[in-house]
């Protein structure tokens, strides 16, 4: 438990020093618990060679954020395209929640600047990897959900992700990328 508390203190300190509130300003959302956002930015490679527990990475928040993104995207499509059949909505959703689309949206926040990577991953170009950016994007959405609820995530998606839907759909031509 002491090790976990130390990790939380380190994450909070690192995040506040690193971002200076910049990421929160980009999101348009101020965290009540900034440790959640800091936690969302810890890639598993950062824990390699440390005594920090594996669950200290962002994967659980990514798991949650993925579900929140899927649900809110489904809601958005249902309301925006009231006459479209389920199959068409599913194709659109697949493109909108794809790793490619999430990575594109993450770039609006300069998320790569904030992700905490291990040295080896960073040297191998991890900051530019679409999969890492998409995972961190979903983890941030999960952190916002835990901190502020569904309406706050919806507001962020309405501001950053959903305005690009037409571009995503056209560019993807409904090609399904793994989400």
N, C-alpha and C. Protein backbone atom coordinates (compact mmCIF):
# COMPACT_ATOMS: atom_id res chain seq x y z
N UNK A 1 0.83 -1.19 0.00
CA UNK A 1 0.00 0.00 0.00
C UNK A 1 0.88 1.26 0.00
N UNK A 2 1.97 1.22 0.75
CA UNK A 2 2.88 2.36 0.81
C UNK A 2 3.48 2.63 -0.57
N UNK A 3 3.79 1.53 -1.31
CA UNK A 3 4.35 1.66 -2.64
C UNK A 3 3.34 2.34 -3.58
N UNK A 4 2.07 1.99 -3.44
CA UNK A 4 1.02 2.57 -4.27
C UNK A 4 0.85 4.06 -3.95
N UNK A 5 0.90 4.42 -2.68
CA UNK A 5 0.80 5.84 -2.29
C UNK A 5 1.97 6.64 -2.85
N UNK A 6 3.16 6.04 -2.82
CA UNK A 6 4.34 6.70 -3.37
C UNK A 6 4.16 6.94 -4.87
N UNK A 7 3.63 5.94 -5.56
CA UNK A 7 3.39 6.09 -6.99
C UNK A 7 2.42 7.24 -7.24
N UNK A 8 1.34 7.30 -6.48
CA UNK A 8 0.36 8.36 -6.66
C UNK A 8 0.99 9.74 -6.43
N UNK A 9 1.83 9.86 -5.43
CA UNK A 9 2.50 11.13 -5.17
C UNK A 9 3.43 11.50 -6.32
N UNK A 10 4.17 10.51 -6.82
CA UNK A 10 5.08 10.76 -7.94
C UNK A 10 4.31 11.15 -9.20
N UNK A 11 3.22 10.46 -9.47
CA UNK A 11 2.42 10.77 -10.66
C UNK A 11 1.86 12.18 -10.59
N UNK A 12 1.33 12.52 -9.44
CA UNK A 12 0.73 13.84 -9.27
C UNK A 12 1.79 14.93 -9.44
N UNK A 13 2.94 14.74 -8.83
CA UNK A 13 4.03 15.70 -8.94
C UNK A 13 4.51 15.80 -10.38
N UNK A 14 4.73 14.65 -11.02
CA UNK A 14 5.20 14.63 -12.40
C UNK A 14 4.20 15.34 -13.30
N UNK A 15 2.92 15.01 -13.15
CA UNK A 15 1.92 15.59 -14.04
C UNK A 15 1.85 17.10 -13.90
N UNK A 16 1.79 17.59 -12.69
CA UNK A 16 1.68 19.04 -12.49
C UNK A 16 2.92 19.76 -13.00
N UNK A 17 4.10 19.15 -12.83
CA UNK A 17 5.32 19.79 -13.33
C UNK A 17 5.37 19.73 -14.85
N UNK A 18 4.99 18.59 -15.40
CA UNK A 18 5.08 18.38 -16.85
C UNK A 18 4.08 19.25 -17.60
N UNK A 19 2.84 19.26 -17.13
CA UNK A 19 1.80 19.90 -17.92
C UNK A 19 1.55 21.36 -17.55
N UNK A 20 1.84 21.71 -16.32
CA UNK A 20 1.52 23.06 -15.90
C UNK A 20 0.06 23.39 -16.16
N UNK A 21 -0.78 22.37 -16.14
CA UNK A 21 -2.20 22.55 -16.43
C UNK A 21 -2.50 22.63 -17.92
N UNK A 22 -1.48 22.49 -18.75
CA UNK A 22 -1.66 22.63 -20.20
C UNK A 22 -2.61 21.63 -20.81
N UNK A 23 -2.50 20.38 -20.41
CA UNK A 23 -3.37 19.36 -20.97
C UNK A 23 -4.81 19.58 -20.52
N UNK A 24 -4.99 19.93 -19.27
CA UNK A 24 -6.34 20.22 -18.80
C UNK A 24 -6.93 21.41 -19.55
N UNK A 25 -6.12 22.40 -19.84
CA UNK A 25 -6.60 23.56 -20.60
C UNK A 25 -7.01 23.14 -22.01
N UNK A 26 -6.22 22.26 -22.63
CA UNK A 26 -6.55 21.78 -23.97
C UNK A 26 -7.85 20.99 -23.95
N UNK A 27 -8.03 20.19 -22.92
CA UNK A 27 -9.25 19.40 -22.79
C UNK A 27 -10.47 20.27 -22.50
N UNK A 28 -10.21 21.38 -21.84
CA UNK A 28 -11.32 22.21 -21.38
C UNK A 28 -11.98 21.60 -20.16
N UNK A 29 -11.20 20.81 -19.42
CA UNK A 29 -11.72 20.15 -18.23
C UNK A 29 -10.64 20.16 -17.16
N UNK A 30 -10.98 20.62 -15.98
CA UNK A 30 -10.07 20.65 -14.84
C UNK A 30 -10.40 19.49 -13.90
N UNK A 31 -9.43 18.64 -13.68
CA UNK A 31 -9.63 17.46 -12.84
C UNK A 31 -9.73 17.82 -11.36
N UNK A 32 -10.71 17.24 -10.70
CA UNK A 32 -10.80 17.36 -9.24
C UNK A 32 -9.70 16.50 -8.62
N UNK A 33 -9.43 15.36 -9.26
CA UNK A 33 -8.38 14.45 -8.82
C UNK A 33 -7.37 14.31 -9.97
N UNK A 34 -6.34 15.17 -10.00
CA UNK A 34 -5.38 15.14 -11.11
C UNK A 34 -4.59 13.84 -11.21
N UNK A 35 -4.60 13.04 -10.15
CA UNK A 35 -3.92 11.75 -10.21
C UNK A 35 -4.55 10.85 -11.26
N UNK A 36 -5.85 10.99 -11.47
CA UNK A 36 -6.51 10.19 -12.50
C UNK A 36 -5.93 10.49 -13.87
N UNK A 37 -5.77 11.76 -14.17
CA UNK A 37 -5.20 12.13 -15.46
C UNK A 37 -3.74 11.68 -15.55
N UNK A 38 -2.99 11.87 -14.51
CA UNK A 38 -1.59 11.43 -14.50
C UNK A 38 -1.51 9.93 -14.73
N UNK A 39 -2.37 9.19 -14.08
CA UNK A 39 -2.41 7.73 -14.22
C UNK A 39 -2.74 7.34 -15.66
N UNK A 40 -3.64 8.08 -16.29
CA UNK A 40 -4.04 7.80 -17.67
C UNK A 40 -2.88 7.95 -18.65
N UNK A 41 -1.84 8.63 -18.24
CA UNK A 41 -0.71 8.92 -19.12
C UNK A 41 0.49 8.00 -18.91
N UNK A 42 0.35 6.99 -18.05
CA UNK A 42 1.46 6.07 -17.77
C UNK A 42 1.34 4.82 -18.64
N UNK A 43 2.19 4.74 -19.64
CA UNK A 43 2.25 3.57 -20.51
C UNK A 43 2.96 2.44 -19.76
N UNK A 44 2.59 1.21 -20.06
CA UNK A 44 3.17 0.07 -19.32
C UNK A 44 4.68 0.01 -19.43
N UNK A 45 5.26 0.51 -20.51
CA UNK A 45 6.72 0.46 -20.68
C UNK A 45 7.43 1.30 -19.62
N UNK A 46 6.76 2.31 -19.10
CA UNK A 46 7.35 3.17 -18.08
C UNK A 46 7.64 2.39 -16.80
N UNK A 47 6.88 1.34 -16.55
CA UNK A 47 7.03 0.56 -15.32
C UNK A 47 8.12 -0.49 -15.40
N UNK A 48 8.64 -0.75 -16.61
CA UNK A 48 9.68 -1.74 -16.79
C UNK A 48 10.91 -1.38 -15.97
N UNK A 49 11.37 -2.33 -15.19
CA UNK A 49 12.56 -2.12 -14.38
C UNK A 49 12.32 -1.32 -13.12
N UNK A 50 11.07 -1.09 -12.77
CA UNK A 50 10.75 -0.37 -11.53
C UNK A 50 10.08 -1.33 -10.57
N UNK A 51 9.94 -0.90 -9.36
CA UNK A 51 9.22 -1.69 -8.36
C UNK A 51 7.74 -1.34 -8.32
N UNK A 52 7.31 -0.50 -9.25
CA UNK A 52 5.91 -0.10 -9.27
C UNK A 52 5.05 -1.26 -9.77
N UNK A 53 3.88 -1.43 -9.19
CA UNK A 53 3.01 -2.54 -9.61
C UNK A 53 2.52 -2.35 -11.04
N UNK A 54 2.36 -3.46 -11.74
CA UNK A 54 1.95 -3.43 -13.14
C UNK A 54 0.64 -2.68 -13.34
N UNK A 55 -0.28 -2.82 -12.41
CA UNK A 55 -1.58 -2.16 -12.56
C UNK A 55 -1.50 -0.64 -12.43
N UNK A 56 -0.30 -0.13 -12.24
CA UNK A 56 -0.12 1.32 -12.18
C UNK A 56 -0.10 1.95 -13.57
N UNK A 57 -0.16 1.12 -14.62
CA UNK A 57 -0.19 1.69 -15.97
C UNK A 57 -1.62 2.10 -16.34
N UNK A 58 -1.79 2.60 -17.54
CA UNK A 58 -3.07 3.18 -17.95
C UNK A 58 -4.05 2.19 -18.58
N UNK A 59 -3.74 0.92 -18.58
CA UNK A 59 -4.57 -0.04 -19.31
C UNK A 59 -5.99 -0.18 -18.77
N UNK A 60 -6.17 -0.13 -17.47
CA UNK A 60 -7.52 -0.24 -16.92
C UNK A 60 -8.36 0.99 -17.27
N UNK A 61 -7.74 2.17 -17.23
CA UNK A 61 -8.44 3.38 -17.64
C UNK A 61 -8.75 3.36 -19.14
N UNK A 62 -7.85 2.79 -19.92
CA UNK A 62 -8.08 2.63 -21.35
C UNK A 62 -9.29 1.73 -21.59
N UNK A 63 -9.36 0.64 -20.85
CA UNK A 63 -10.48 -0.30 -20.95
C UNK A 63 -11.80 0.41 -20.68
N UNK A 64 -11.82 1.21 -19.63
CA UNK A 64 -13.02 1.97 -19.28
C UNK A 64 -13.33 3.03 -20.34
N UNK A 65 -12.31 3.76 -20.74
CA UNK A 65 -12.50 4.82 -21.73
C UNK A 65 -12.98 4.29 -23.07
N UNK A 66 -12.51 3.12 -23.46
CA UNK A 66 -12.96 2.49 -24.70
C UNK A 66 -14.46 2.24 -24.65
N UNK A 67 -14.96 1.75 -23.54
CA UNK A 67 -16.39 1.49 -23.40
C UNK A 67 -17.20 2.78 -23.40
N UNK A 68 -16.71 3.79 -22.71
CA UNK A 68 -17.39 5.09 -22.67
C UNK A 68 -17.43 5.70 -24.08
N UNK A 69 -16.30 5.64 -24.78
CA UNK A 69 -16.24 6.15 -26.15
C UNK A 69 -17.23 5.42 -27.05
N UNK A 70 -17.28 4.11 -26.95
CA UNK A 70 -18.20 3.33 -27.76
C UNK A 70 -19.65 3.70 -27.48
N UNK A 71 -19.99 3.81 -26.21
CA UNK A 71 -21.37 4.13 -25.84
C UNK A 71 -21.76 5.52 -26.33
N UNK A 72 -20.90 6.51 -26.09
CA UNK A 72 -21.24 7.88 -26.49
C UNK A 72 -21.23 8.04 -28.01
N UNK A 73 -20.39 7.29 -28.69
CA UNK A 73 -20.39 7.32 -30.15
C UNK A 73 -21.69 6.71 -30.69
N UNK A 74 -22.12 5.63 -30.08
CA UNK A 74 -23.38 5.00 -30.47
C UNK A 74 -24.53 5.99 -30.26
N UNK A 75 -24.55 6.66 -29.13
CA UNK A 75 -25.58 7.66 -28.85
C UNK A 75 -25.53 8.78 -29.89
N UNK A 76 -24.34 9.27 -30.18
CA UNK A 76 -24.17 10.36 -31.15
C UNK A 76 -24.71 9.94 -32.52
N UNK A 77 -24.33 8.76 -32.98
CA UNK A 77 -24.77 8.29 -34.29
C UNK A 77 -26.28 8.06 -34.33
N UNK A 78 -26.81 7.52 -33.26
CA UNK A 78 -28.25 7.26 -33.18
C UNK A 78 -29.04 8.56 -33.32
N UNK A 79 -28.57 9.61 -32.67
CA UNK A 79 -29.26 10.91 -32.72
C UNK A 79 -28.97 11.67 -34.02
N UNK A 80 -27.77 11.55 -34.54
CA UNK A 80 -27.36 12.32 -35.72
C UNK A 80 -27.88 11.73 -37.02
N UNK A 81 -28.02 10.43 -37.08
CA UNK A 81 -28.46 9.74 -38.29
C UNK A 81 -29.72 8.92 -37.98
N UNK A 82 -30.84 9.60 -37.72
CA UNK A 82 -32.05 8.90 -37.26
C UNK A 82 -32.66 7.95 -38.29
N UNK A 83 -32.34 8.12 -39.57
CA UNK A 83 -32.95 7.28 -40.60
C UNK A 83 -32.04 6.16 -41.08
N UNK A 84 -30.81 6.11 -40.57
CA UNK A 84 -29.88 5.09 -41.03
C UNK A 84 -30.15 3.73 -40.37
N UNK A 85 -30.02 2.66 -41.15
CA UNK A 85 -30.19 1.32 -40.57
C UNK A 85 -29.01 0.95 -39.66
N UNK A 86 -29.21 -0.03 -38.84
CA UNK A 86 -28.20 -0.46 -37.86
C UNK A 86 -26.87 -0.79 -38.52
N UNK A 87 -26.89 -1.46 -39.65
CA UNK A 87 -25.65 -1.85 -40.31
C UNK A 87 -24.80 -0.65 -40.71
N UNK A 88 -25.46 0.38 -41.20
CA UNK A 88 -24.76 1.61 -41.59
C UNK A 88 -24.18 2.32 -40.36
N UNK A 89 -24.97 2.37 -39.29
CA UNK A 89 -24.49 2.98 -38.04
C UNK A 89 -23.28 2.22 -37.49
N UNK A 90 -23.33 0.91 -37.57
CA UNK A 90 -22.21 0.09 -37.08
C UNK A 90 -20.94 0.34 -37.87
N UNK A 91 -21.07 0.49 -39.18
CA UNK A 91 -19.89 0.78 -40.01
C UNK A 91 -19.29 2.13 -39.63
N UNK A 92 -20.16 3.11 -39.46
CA UNK A 92 -19.68 4.44 -39.07
C UNK A 92 -19.00 4.39 -37.71
N UNK A 93 -19.64 3.72 -36.77
CA UNK A 93 -19.08 3.62 -35.42
C UNK A 93 -17.70 2.98 -35.45
N UNK A 94 -17.55 1.95 -36.25
CA UNK A 94 -16.26 1.26 -36.35
C UNK A 94 -15.15 2.22 -36.76
N UNK A 95 -15.45 3.09 -37.73
CA UNK A 95 -14.45 4.06 -38.18
C UNK A 95 -14.19 5.12 -37.11
N UNK A 96 -15.25 5.58 -36.45
CA UNK A 96 -15.14 6.68 -35.49
C UNK A 96 -14.38 6.28 -34.23
N UNK A 97 -14.53 5.04 -33.79
CA UNK A 97 -13.86 4.59 -32.56
C UNK A 97 -12.55 3.86 -32.85
N UNK A 98 -12.14 3.85 -34.10
CA UNK A 98 -10.91 3.14 -34.46
C UNK A 98 -9.69 3.77 -33.79
N UNK A 99 -8.67 2.96 -33.67
CA UNK A 99 -7.41 3.47 -33.12
C UNK A 99 -6.88 4.63 -33.93
N UNK A 100 -7.06 4.56 -35.23
CA UNK A 100 -6.60 5.63 -36.11
C UNK A 100 -7.31 6.95 -35.78
N UNK A 101 -8.63 6.89 -35.64
CA UNK A 101 -9.41 8.10 -35.33
C UNK A 101 -9.06 8.64 -33.95
N UNK A 102 -8.88 7.75 -32.98
CA UNK A 102 -8.52 8.19 -31.62
C UNK A 102 -7.14 8.84 -31.61
N UNK A 103 -6.20 8.25 -32.35
CA UNK A 103 -4.86 8.83 -32.43
C UNK A 103 -4.91 10.21 -33.07
N UNK A 104 -5.74 10.38 -34.09
CA UNK A 104 -5.89 11.70 -34.73
C UNK A 104 -6.41 12.72 -33.72
N UNK A 105 -7.43 12.34 -32.96
CA UNK A 105 -7.98 13.26 -31.97
C UNK A 105 -6.96 13.56 -30.87
N UNK A 106 -6.15 12.58 -30.51
CA UNK A 106 -5.15 12.79 -29.45
C UNK A 106 -4.13 13.85 -29.85
N UNK A 107 -3.91 13.96 -31.12
CA UNK A 107 -2.93 14.95 -31.61
C UNK A 107 -3.41 16.39 -31.38
N UNK A 108 -4.73 16.58 -31.34
CA UNK A 108 -5.27 17.91 -31.06
C UNK A 108 -4.87 18.38 -29.66
N UNK A 109 -4.62 17.42 -28.77
CA UNK A 109 -4.21 17.73 -27.39
C UNK A 109 -2.70 17.67 -27.22
N UNK A 110 -1.97 17.33 -28.28
CA UNK A 110 -0.53 17.08 -28.18
C UNK A 110 -0.26 16.03 -27.11
N UNK A 111 -1.08 15.00 -27.09
CA UNK A 111 -1.02 13.99 -26.04
C UNK A 111 0.34 13.30 -25.95
N UNK A 112 1.02 13.18 -27.09
CA UNK A 112 2.32 12.50 -27.08
C UNK A 112 3.33 13.20 -26.16
N UNK A 113 3.17 14.49 -25.96
CA UNK A 113 4.07 15.23 -25.08
C UNK A 113 3.89 14.84 -23.61
N UNK A 114 2.73 14.31 -23.28
CA UNK A 114 2.40 14.04 -21.88
C UNK A 114 2.52 12.57 -21.48
N UNK A 115 2.51 11.66 -22.45
CA UNK A 115 2.54 10.24 -22.14
C UNK A 115 3.90 9.88 -21.54
N UNK A 116 3.85 9.14 -20.45
CA UNK A 116 5.06 8.70 -19.75
C UNK A 116 5.44 7.32 -20.28
N UNK A 117 6.56 7.27 -21.01
CA UNK A 117 7.04 6.04 -21.64
C UNK A 117 8.35 5.58 -21.01
N UNK A 118 8.62 4.29 -21.16
CA UNK A 118 9.92 3.78 -20.78
C UNK A 118 10.97 4.27 -21.76
N UNK A 119 12.22 4.26 -21.35
CA UNK A 119 13.30 4.77 -22.20
C UNK A 119 13.39 4.03 -23.53
N UNK A 120 13.28 2.71 -23.49
CA UNK A 120 13.39 1.93 -24.72
C UNK A 120 12.24 2.24 -25.67
N UNK A 121 11.03 2.32 -25.14
CA UNK A 121 9.87 2.63 -25.98
C UNK A 121 10.00 4.03 -26.59
N UNK A 122 10.46 4.96 -25.80
CA UNK A 122 10.64 6.33 -26.30
C UNK A 122 11.68 6.35 -27.42
N UNK A 123 12.78 5.61 -27.25
CA UNK A 123 13.84 5.56 -28.27
C UNK A 123 13.34 4.92 -29.56
N UNK A 124 12.37 4.01 -29.44
CA UNK A 124 11.83 3.32 -30.62
C UNK A 124 10.70 4.11 -31.28
N UNK A 125 10.55 5.37 -30.88
CA UNK A 125 9.53 6.22 -31.50
C UNK A 125 8.14 6.04 -30.94
N UNK A 126 8.06 5.59 -29.70
CA UNK A 126 6.77 5.33 -29.07
C UNK A 126 5.83 6.51 -29.02
N UNK A 127 6.39 7.70 -28.92
CA UNK A 127 5.52 8.89 -28.84
C UNK A 127 4.71 9.13 -30.10
N UNK A 128 5.17 8.58 -31.20
CA UNK A 128 4.45 8.75 -32.45
C UNK A 128 3.61 7.55 -32.84
N UNK A 129 3.65 6.48 -32.05
CA UNK A 129 2.90 5.26 -32.39
C UNK A 129 1.40 5.49 -32.21
N UNK A 130 0.68 5.19 -33.26
CA UNK A 130 -0.76 5.36 -33.23
C UNK A 130 -1.41 4.56 -32.10
N UNK A 131 -0.94 3.36 -31.87
CA UNK A 131 -1.56 2.51 -30.84
C UNK A 131 -1.38 3.11 -29.45
N UNK A 132 -0.22 3.67 -29.18
CA UNK A 132 0.04 4.28 -27.87
C UNK A 132 -0.80 5.54 -27.71
N UNK A 133 -0.89 6.34 -28.76
CA UNK A 133 -1.70 7.56 -28.70
C UNK A 133 -3.18 7.24 -28.53
N UNK A 134 -3.66 6.25 -29.26
CA UNK A 134 -5.07 5.86 -29.16
C UNK A 134 -5.39 5.33 -27.77
N UNK A 135 -4.49 4.50 -27.24
CA UNK A 135 -4.70 3.93 -25.90
C UNK A 135 -4.72 5.03 -24.85
N UNK A 136 -3.79 5.98 -24.97
CA UNK A 136 -3.74 7.09 -24.01
C UNK A 136 -4.99 7.96 -24.13
N UNK A 137 -5.47 8.17 -25.36
CA UNK A 137 -6.69 8.93 -25.59
C UNK A 137 -7.87 8.29 -24.85
N UNK A 138 -8.01 7.00 -25.03
CA UNK A 138 -9.10 6.28 -24.36
C UNK A 138 -8.92 6.31 -22.84
N UNK A 139 -7.69 6.20 -22.38
CA UNK A 139 -7.43 6.25 -20.93
C UNK A 139 -7.80 7.62 -20.36
N UNK A 140 -7.50 8.69 -21.10
CA UNK A 140 -7.88 10.03 -20.65
C UNK A 140 -9.40 10.13 -20.57
N UNK A 141 -10.10 9.59 -21.57
CA UNK A 141 -11.56 9.60 -21.52
C UNK A 141 -12.07 8.84 -20.30
N UNK A 142 -11.43 7.71 -19.99
CA UNK A 142 -11.80 6.94 -18.80
C UNK A 142 -11.56 7.74 -17.52
N UNK A 143 -10.46 8.46 -17.48
CA UNK A 143 -10.15 9.29 -16.31
C UNK A 143 -11.16 10.42 -16.15
N UNK A 144 -11.54 11.05 -17.25
CA UNK A 144 -12.54 12.12 -17.19
C UNK A 144 -13.87 11.55 -16.71
N UNK A 145 -14.22 10.38 -17.21
CA UNK A 145 -15.46 9.74 -16.78
C UNK A 145 -15.49 9.51 -15.27
N UNK A 146 -14.40 8.96 -14.72
CA UNK A 146 -14.34 8.70 -13.28
C UNK A 146 -14.36 10.00 -12.47
N UNK A 147 -13.72 11.02 -12.99
CA UNK A 147 -13.59 12.28 -12.27
C UNK A 147 -14.84 13.16 -12.39
N UNK A 148 -15.44 13.19 -13.57
CA UNK A 148 -16.52 14.15 -13.79
C UNK A 148 -17.81 13.58 -14.33
N UNK A 149 -17.78 12.33 -14.78
CA UNK A 149 -19.00 11.71 -15.27
C UNK A 149 -19.15 11.75 -16.78
N UNK A 150 -20.22 11.15 -17.21
CA UNK A 150 -20.51 10.97 -18.63
C UNK A 150 -20.70 12.30 -19.37
N UNK A 151 -21.34 13.26 -18.75
CA UNK A 151 -21.58 14.54 -19.43
C UNK A 151 -20.28 15.26 -19.76
N UNK A 152 -19.29 15.13 -18.90
CA UNK A 152 -17.98 15.78 -19.16
C UNK A 152 -17.28 15.10 -20.34
N UNK A 153 -17.36 13.77 -20.41
CA UNK A 153 -16.75 13.06 -21.55
C UNK A 153 -17.50 13.43 -22.83
N UNK A 154 -18.80 13.47 -22.75
CA UNK A 154 -19.62 13.85 -23.91
C UNK A 154 -19.21 15.24 -24.42
N UNK A 155 -19.01 16.17 -23.51
CA UNK A 155 -18.62 17.53 -23.89
C UNK A 155 -17.27 17.53 -24.61
N UNK A 156 -16.33 16.74 -24.10
CA UNK A 156 -15.01 16.64 -24.74
C UNK A 156 -15.12 16.03 -26.13
N UNK A 157 -15.90 14.96 -26.25
CA UNK A 157 -16.07 14.33 -27.56
C UNK A 157 -16.79 15.25 -28.53
N UNK A 158 -17.76 15.98 -28.04
CA UNK A 158 -18.48 16.93 -28.89
C UNK A 158 -17.55 18.05 -29.38
N UNK A 159 -16.57 18.37 -28.58
CA UNK A 159 -15.63 19.44 -28.95
C UNK A 159 -14.51 18.95 -29.87
N UNK A 160 -14.00 17.74 -29.61
CA UNK A 160 -12.81 17.29 -30.32
C UNK A 160 -13.02 16.13 -31.30
N UNK A 161 -13.82 15.18 -30.93
CA UNK A 161 -13.88 13.95 -31.73
C UNK A 161 -15.02 13.97 -32.75
N UNK A 162 -16.21 14.32 -32.29
CA UNK A 162 -17.36 14.24 -33.18
C UNK A 162 -17.37 15.27 -34.31
N UNK A 163 -16.78 16.46 -34.15
CA UNK A 163 -16.77 17.38 -35.29
C UNK A 163 -16.03 16.81 -36.50
N UNK A 164 -15.12 15.90 -36.29
CA UNK A 164 -14.36 15.31 -37.39
C UNK A 164 -14.98 14.05 -37.95
N UNK A 165 -16.19 13.73 -37.52
CA UNK A 165 -16.82 12.47 -37.92
C UNK A 165 -16.92 12.33 -39.44
N UNK A 166 -17.40 13.35 -40.12
CA UNK A 166 -17.54 13.25 -41.58
C UNK A 166 -16.20 12.99 -42.24
N UNK A 167 -15.17 13.68 -41.76
CA UNK A 167 -13.83 13.45 -42.31
C UNK A 167 -13.32 12.05 -42.03
N UNK A 168 -13.60 11.57 -40.85
CA UNK A 168 -13.18 10.21 -40.48
C UNK A 168 -13.89 9.20 -41.36
N UNK A 169 -15.18 9.37 -41.52
CA UNK A 169 -15.96 8.41 -42.29
C UNK A 169 -15.53 8.41 -43.75
N UNK A 170 -15.32 9.57 -44.32
CA UNK A 170 -14.91 9.66 -45.72
C UNK A 170 -13.50 9.09 -45.88
N UNK A 171 -12.58 9.51 -45.01
CA UNK A 171 -11.19 9.05 -45.11
C UNK A 171 -11.08 7.55 -44.89
N UNK A 172 -11.86 7.05 -43.96
CA UNK A 172 -11.81 5.63 -43.65
C UNK A 172 -12.58 4.80 -44.67
N UNK A 173 -13.51 5.45 -45.36
CA UNK A 173 -14.40 4.76 -46.28
C UNK A 173 -14.95 3.52 -45.61
N UNK A 174 -15.27 3.69 -44.33
CA UNK A 174 -15.84 2.63 -43.50
C UNK A 174 -14.90 1.44 -43.32
N UNK A 175 -13.61 1.66 -43.48
CA UNK A 175 -12.65 0.60 -43.23
C UNK A 175 -12.52 0.46 -41.72
N UNK A 176 -12.60 -0.75 -41.25
CA UNK A 176 -12.52 -0.97 -39.81
C UNK A 176 -11.08 -1.14 -39.36
N UNK A 177 -10.61 -0.20 -38.56
CA UNK A 177 -9.34 -0.34 -37.88
C UNK A 177 -9.65 -0.94 -36.52
N UNK A 178 -8.73 -1.70 -35.96
CA UNK A 178 -8.96 -2.23 -34.61
C UNK A 178 -9.06 -1.08 -33.64
N UNK A 179 -10.06 -1.13 -32.77
CA UNK A 179 -10.20 -0.09 -31.77
C UNK A 179 -9.75 -0.59 -30.43
